Amino acid sequence: MPGTSSGPSPLTIGSRRFDWGSRTYVMGTINVTPDSFSGDGLGLDVEAAVAQGHRFVKEGADILDVGGESTRPGFQAVPLEEEMRRVLPVVERLASEVDVPISIDTYKAPVARAALEAGAHLVNDIWGFRHDPAMAPLVAGFGVPAVIMHNQRGREFREVIGDIRAGLEIGLRLAEQAGIPRQRLIIDPGFGFGWAEEHNLEMLRRLGELRDMGLPILIGTSRKSTVGAVLGGVPAEERLMGTAATVAIAIAHGADIVRVHDVAEMVQVCRMADAILRPRPPPPEADPPLAEDRQVHRQ
């Protein structure tokens, strides 16, 4: 459960310290793509992407996650040069203009390198270091934190949590071999990446079973197709309330970071869930007035 004393160690990302268990952190998604599944792709409009980043920060985002390739089912890989052309101007601008960490959402080491050189502070790899063998050594060399996601695509299904653990353990071994300290890692079970609808729902119900891995948990349910399916096939832009439900449930089961498209609304969901699940101790009572103070007031 959130807020336990045995939780993950605090982590500094960029200039910010993340105290896991104290509250839920919000990662705002900036898709510099023309074909995002969620309908919020910004194409190559750098100004629009930067403006969205500024708006997300004002709305309460703790991290901005910049991506230049749609990872929807059946996506076509974007050439390296094109992906860099999309994300680098946005990363560079945001890194110099906002005071929250910038994450680069890529599984390609050359893109990650260029983004880190442009000012990014965190690597978010949807293949958990399994796709590009150069990624883990790159992250180690830059000394930055990383998100290791389990991606079920192309893997044989056995059992939801068991499959997630197996995939994450591969990424963690690759990180260890590369020399990345374990406390710099964040895990993501990969909601929507190769799972059937019922498996995604089971993942949320059982998310707390991953807490014993001792690492902060990030989850991205926002506007995903499972939400649309449960709500009767509604399009991405009509999945706000369904997403809110998944975010609240994820927090109840131990999520530390939620990756979302609708920052203002999900910040409210997080704050309400945190107030219920992570109650703050009452402020200390004021000391009673001394006897001489009471005597003065009576005169």
Protein backbone atom coordinates (compact mmCIF):
# COMPACT_ATOMS: atom_id res chain seq x y z
CA MET A 1 0.00 0.00 0.00
CA PRO A 2 1.13 3.58 -0.56
CA GLY A 3 2.98 5.37 2.15
CA THR A 4 4.61 2.37 3.84
CA SER A 5 7.98 2.94 5.46
CA SER A 6 9.53 0.08 3.48
CA GLY A 7 8.89 1.75 0.14
CA PRO A 8 11.47 2.68 -2.51
CA SER A 9 14.23 5.14 -1.73
CA PRO A 10 13.77 8.77 -2.83
CA LEU A 11 15.06 9.59 -6.31
CA THR A 12 16.34 12.84 -7.77
CA ILE A 13 15.29 13.42 -11.39
CA GLY A 14 16.78 16.56 -12.83
CA SER A 15 16.67 19.07 -10.00
CA ARG A 16 13.62 17.54 -8.29
CA ARG A 17 13.46 15.01 -5.50
CA PHE A 18 10.73 12.38 -5.69
CA ASP A 19 9.76 10.99 -2.30
CA TRP A 20 7.89 7.82 -3.17
CA GLY A 21 4.91 7.16 -0.94
CA SER A 22 4.45 10.80 0.06
CA ARG A 23 2.08 11.50 -2.83
CA THR A 24 1.27 10.44 -6.39
CA TYR A 25 3.31 12.11 -9.13
CA VAL A 26 1.86 13.06 -12.51
CA MET A 27 3.67 12.60 -15.84
CA GLY A 28 2.17 14.65 -18.65
CA THR A 29 2.34 13.10 -22.12
CA ILE A 30 3.51 15.25 -25.05
CA ASN A 31 3.11 13.38 -28.33
CA VAL A 32 5.08 15.04 -31.13
CA THR A 33 3.49 12.70 -33.66
CA PRO A 34 0.78 12.89 -36.33
CA ASP A 35 -0.77 9.53 -35.41
CA SER A 36 -1.12 9.24 -31.64
CA PHE A 37 -3.80 6.73 -30.61
CA SER A 38 -5.14 9.23 -28.09
CA GLY A 39 -5.97 11.89 -30.65
CA ASP A 40 -3.57 14.43 -29.14
CA GLY A 41 -0.67 14.11 -31.59
CA LEU A 42 0.92 17.49 -32.33
CA GLY A 43 2.73 16.53 -35.54
CA LEU A 44 5.84 18.65 -36.04
CA ASP A 45 4.44 21.76 -34.37
CA VAL A 46 7.21 22.62 -31.92
CA GLU A 47 5.45 25.72 -30.63
CA ALA A 48 2.27 23.76 -29.87
CA ALA A 49 4.26 21.06 -28.05
CA VAL A 50 6.17 23.60 -25.98
CA ALA A 51 2.94 25.46 -25.16
CA GLN A 52 1.37 22.18 -24.06
CA GLY A 53 4.36 21.54 -21.80
CA HIS A 54 4.00 24.94 -20.16
CA ARG A 55 0.27 24.34 -19.67
CA PHE A 56 0.90 20.92 -18.13
CA VAL A 57 3.36 22.42 -15.65
CA LYS A 58 0.83 25.08 -14.64
CA GLU A 59 -1.76 22.33 -14.19
CA GLY A 60 0.50 20.39 -11.83
CA ALA A 61 2.56 17.96 -13.91
CA ASP A 62 5.70 16.71 -12.15
CA ILE A 63 7.38 15.27 -15.28
CA LEU A 64 6.91 15.94 -19.00
CA ASP A 65 7.27 12.87 -21.24
CA VAL A 66 8.16 13.76 -24.86
CA GLY A 67 7.74 11.12 -27.56
CA GLY A 68 8.12 11.21 -31.33
CA GLU A 69 6.79 7.81 -32.35
CA SER A 70 3.33 6.36 -31.83
CA THR A 71 3.47 3.00 -30.05
CA ARG A 72 -0.15 2.07 -30.75
CA PRO A 73 -0.78 -1.56 -31.79
CA GLY A 74 0.52 -2.15 -35.31
CA PHE A 75 2.59 1.05 -35.33
CA GLN A 76 5.26 1.63 -37.95
CA ALA A 77 8.70 2.46 -36.60
CA VAL A 78 9.85 6.00 -37.37
CA PRO A 79 13.37 6.38 -38.83
CA LEU A 80 15.93 7.66 -36.34
CA GLU A 81 16.47 10.97 -38.12
CA GLU A 82 12.75 11.68 -38.27
CA GLU A 83 12.18 10.80 -34.62
CA MET A 84 15.02 13.09 -33.58
CA ARG A 85 13.73 15.86 -35.83
CA ARG A 86 10.42 15.65 -34.00
CA VAL A 87 11.54 15.51 -30.40
CA LEU A 88 14.86 17.32 -30.05
CA PRO A 89 13.61 20.91 -30.56
CA VAL A 90 10.83 20.25 -28.04
CA VAL A 91 13.13 18.67 -25.46
CA GLU A 92 15.67 21.46 -25.80
CA ARG A 93 13.07 24.21 -25.43
CA LEU A 94 11.26 22.62 -22.50
CA ALA A 95 14.48 21.76 -20.67
CA SER A 96 15.42 25.43 -20.74
CA GLU A 97 11.97 26.90 -20.10
CA VAL A 98 10.25 24.80 -17.41
CA ASP A 99 11.32 23.68 -13.95
CA VAL A 100 10.19 20.04 -14.08
CA PRO A 101 12.16 17.04 -15.35
CA ILE A 102 11.90 16.13 -19.04
CA SER A 103 11.56 12.47 -20.00
CA ILE A 104 12.34 11.10 -23.46
CA ASP A 105 9.94 8.36 -24.52
CA THR A 106 12.03 6.17 -26.84
CA TYR A 107 13.45 2.67 -27.07
CA LYS A 108 16.27 3.71 -29.43
CA ALA A 109 19.64 4.54 -27.91
CA PRO A 110 20.64 7.15 -30.55
CA VAL A 111 17.43 9.09 -29.93
CA ALA A 112 17.88 8.83 -26.16
CA ARG A 113 21.49 10.05 -26.43
CA ALA A 114 20.52 13.07 -28.52
CA ALA A 115 17.65 13.91 -26.16
CA LEU A 116 19.83 13.64 -23.06
CA GLU A 117 22.40 15.89 -24.70
CA ALA A 118 19.55 18.34 -25.44
CA GLY A 119 18.59 18.44 -21.76
CA ALA A 120 16.34 15.45 -20.98
CA HIS A 121 16.64 14.01 -17.47
CA LEU A 122 14.95 10.60 -17.72
CA VAL A 123 14.66 7.78 -20.28
CA ASN A 124 11.30 6.04 -20.66
CA ASP A 125 11.86 2.78 -22.59
CA ILE A 126 8.75 0.82 -23.54
CA TRP A 127 10.89 -2.26 -24.18
CA GLY A 128 12.72 -2.11 -20.84
CA PHE A 129 16.23 -2.21 -22.40
CA ARG A 130 15.30 -5.36 -24.33
CA HIS A 131 15.05 -3.81 -27.81
CA ASP A 132 18.31 -1.88 -28.16
CA PRO A 133 21.35 -3.43 -26.41
CA ALA A 134 23.02 -0.02 -26.34
CA MET A 135 20.27 1.58 -24.25
CA ALA A 136 21.21 0.34 -20.76
CA PRO A 137 24.93 1.22 -21.16
CA LEU A 138 23.88 4.64 -22.46
CA VAL A 139 21.67 5.31 -19.43
CA ALA A 140 24.47 4.15 -17.15
CA GLY A 141 26.95 6.44 -18.87
CA PHE A 142 24.75 9.50 -18.51
CA GLY A 143 23.92 8.65 -14.90
CA VAL A 144 20.21 9.32 -15.36
CA PRO A 145 17.16 7.43 -14.08
CA ALA A 146 15.08 5.27 -16.40
CA VAL A 147 11.64 3.71 -16.65
CA ILE A 148 11.75 0.00 -17.46
CA MET A 149 8.45 -1.12 -18.95
CA HIS A 150 7.32 -4.67 -19.51
CA ASN A 151 6.06 -5.08 -23.07
CA GLN A 152 3.97 -8.21 -23.61
CA ARG A 153 3.84 -7.84 -27.40
CA GLY A 154 5.17 -10.95 -29.13
CA ARG A 155 5.51 -12.89 -25.88
CA GLU A 156 3.61 -16.05 -24.92
CA PHE A 157 0.94 -15.43 -22.29
CA ARG A 158 1.05 -17.49 -19.11
CA GLU A 159 -0.18 -15.39 -16.20
CA VAL A 160 -0.50 -11.63 -15.89
CA ILE A 161 1.64 -10.76 -12.88
CA GLY A 162 4.06 -13.60 -13.53
CA ASP A 163 4.62 -12.42 -17.10
CA ILE A 164 5.11 -8.84 -15.93
CA ARG A 165 7.65 -9.90 -13.32
CA ALA A 166 9.55 -12.01 -15.83
CA GLY A 167 9.77 -9.17 -18.33
CA LEU A 168 10.78 -6.61 -15.72
CA GLU A 169 13.43 -8.92 -14.28
CA ILE A 170 15.08 -9.12 -17.71
CA GLY A 171 15.26 -5.34 -17.85
CA LEU A 172 16.58 -5.16 -14.30
CA ARG A 173 19.32 -7.69 -15.08
CA LEU A 174 20.33 -5.69 -18.16
CA ALA A 175 20.44 -2.56 -16.01
CA GLU A 176 22.58 -4.29 -13.38
CA GLN A 177 24.97 -5.62 -16.02
CA ALA A 178 25.35 -2.10 -17.42
CA GLY A 179 26.06 -0.66 -13.98
CA ILE A 180 22.82 1.25 -13.41
CA PRO A 181 22.10 1.48 -9.67
CA ARG A 182 18.79 -0.20 -8.91
CA GLN A 183 17.54 2.85 -6.99
CA ARG A 184 17.62 4.86 -10.24
CA LEU A 185 14.97 2.65 -11.85
CA ILE A 186 11.20 2.92 -12.12
CA ILE A 187 9.06 -0.01 -13.27
CA ASP A 188 5.99 0.06 -15.52
CA PRO A 189 3.82 -3.07 -15.98
CA GLY A 190 2.89 -2.03 -19.52
CA PHE A 191 -0.87 -1.50 -19.43
CA GLY A 192 -2.18 -1.87 -23.00
CA PHE A 193 1.01 -3.30 -24.50
CA GLY A 194 0.12 -6.75 -25.80
CA TRP A 195 -2.63 -7.57 -23.32
CA ALA A 196 -6.26 -8.54 -23.81
CA GLU A 197 -8.84 -6.29 -22.17
CA GLU A 198 -9.40 -8.66 -19.25
CA HIS A 199 -5.65 -8.87 -18.64
CA ASN A 200 -5.34 -5.10 -18.39
CA LEU A 201 -8.14 -5.03 -15.83
CA GLU A 202 -6.54 -7.85 -13.85
CA MET A 203 -3.24 -5.93 -13.92
CA LEU A 204 -4.91 -3.00 -12.18
CA ARG A 205 -6.59 -5.22 -9.60
CA ARG A 206 -3.29 -6.92 -8.77
CA LEU A 207 -0.89 -4.00 -9.19
CA GLY A 208 0.01 -4.08 -5.50
CA GLU A 209 1.66 -7.47 -5.97
CA LEU A 210 4.55 -5.68 -7.70
CA ARG A 211 5.35 -3.57 -4.63
CA ASP A 212 7.66 -6.25 -3.26
CA MET A 213 10.08 -5.50 -6.11
CA GLY A 214 11.01 -2.45 -4.06
CA LEU A 215 10.84 0.04 -6.94
CA PRO A 216 8.50 2.93 -7.74
CA ILE A 217 5.67 1.98 -10.08
CA LEU A 218 4.57 4.05 -13.07
CA ILE A 219 1.41 3.18 -14.97
CA GLY A 220 -0.15 4.63 -18.10
CA THR A 221 -3.84 3.83 -18.52
CA SER A 222 -4.82 7.19 -19.99
CA ARG A 223 -7.31 6.99 -22.87
CA LYS A 224 -6.25 3.40 -23.65
CA SER A 225 -8.46 1.12 -25.74
CA THR A 226 -9.42 -0.99 -22.71
CA VAL A 227 -11.09 2.08 -21.21
CA GLY A 228 -12.95 2.66 -24.46
CA ALA A 229 -14.04 -0.96 -24.68
CA VAL A 230 -15.37 -1.07 -21.12
CA LEU A 231 -17.35 2.12 -21.79
CA GLY A 232 -19.01 0.69 -24.88
CA GLY A 233 -16.55 1.67 -27.59
CA VAL A 234 -16.27 5.40 -26.91
CA PRO A 235 -13.48 7.24 -28.79
CA ALA A 236 -10.28 8.39 -27.08
CA GLU A 237 -11.49 11.92 -26.46
CA GLU A 238 -14.47 10.58 -24.45
CA ARG A 239 -12.46 8.40 -22.06
CA LEU A 240 -11.73 11.01 -19.40
CA MET A 241 -13.96 9.63 -16.64
CA GLY A 242 -12.97 6.05 -17.37
CA THR A 243 -9.34 7.06 -17.18
CA ALA A 244 -10.02 8.80 -13.87
CA ALA A 245 -11.36 5.54 -12.45
CA THR A 246 -8.29 3.59 -13.56
CA VAL A 247 -5.97 6.24 -12.09
CA ALA A 248 -7.73 6.16 -8.73
CA ILE A 249 -7.64 2.35 -8.63
CA ALA A 250 -3.97 2.30 -9.63
CA ILE A 251 -3.12 4.71 -6.81
CA ALA A 252 -5.08 2.59 -4.34
CA HIS A 253 -2.95 -0.38 -5.36
CA GLY A 254 0.39 1.38 -5.08
CA ALA A 255 1.13 3.40 -8.22
CA ASP A 256 3.69 6.16 -7.62
CA ILE A 257 3.47 7.90 -11.01
CA VAL A 258 0.55 8.09 -13.43
CA ARG A 259 1.23 8.94 -17.07
CA VAL A 260 -1.71 10.93 -18.43
CA HIS A 261 -2.96 13.13 -21.27
CA ASP A 262 -5.43 15.19 -19.21
CA VAL A 263 -3.17 16.68 -16.58
CA ALA A 264 -5.46 19.14 -14.80
CA GLU A 265 -8.22 16.58 -14.28
CA MET A 266 -5.88 13.75 -13.23
CA VAL A 267 -4.04 15.99 -10.78
CA GLN A 268 -7.38 16.42 -9.01
CA VAL A 269 -7.94 12.66 -9.03
CA CYS A 270 -4.48 12.11 -7.56
CA ARG A 271 -4.90 14.72 -4.84
CA MET A 272 -8.24 13.27 -3.77
CA ALA A 273 -6.94 9.70 -3.80
CA ASP A 274 -3.85 10.76 -1.86
CA ALA A 275 -5.97 12.51 0.77
CA ILE A 276 -7.77 9.20 1.37
CA LEU A 277 -4.83 6.82 1.08
CA ARG A 278 -1.91 8.89 2.36
CA PRO A 279 -3.39 11.00 5.17
CA ARG A 280 -1.03 13.57 6.59
CA PRO A 281 -0.54 13.66 10.36
CA PRO A 282 -2.37 16.50 12.09
CA PRO A 283 -0.26 19.56 12.88
CA PRO A 284 1.17 19.60 16.41
CA GLU A 285 -1.02 21.33 18.96
CA ALA A 286 0.16 24.72 20.13
CA ASP A 287 1.73 24.76 23.55
CA PRO A 288 -0.68 25.99 26.25
CA PRO A 289 0.05 29.51 27.44
CA LEU A 290 2.32 29.85 30.42
CA ALA A 291 0.81 30.78 33.77
CA GLU A 292 2.26 34.30 33.64
CA ASP A 293 0.79 34.79 30.13
CA ARG A 294 -2.63 33.82 31.44
CA GLN A 295 -2.21 36.22 34.33
CA VAL A 296 -1.35 39.05 31.93
CA HIS A 297 -4.44 38.40 29.81
CA ARG A 298 -6.67 38.53 32.90
CA GLN A 299 -5.44 41.99 33.88
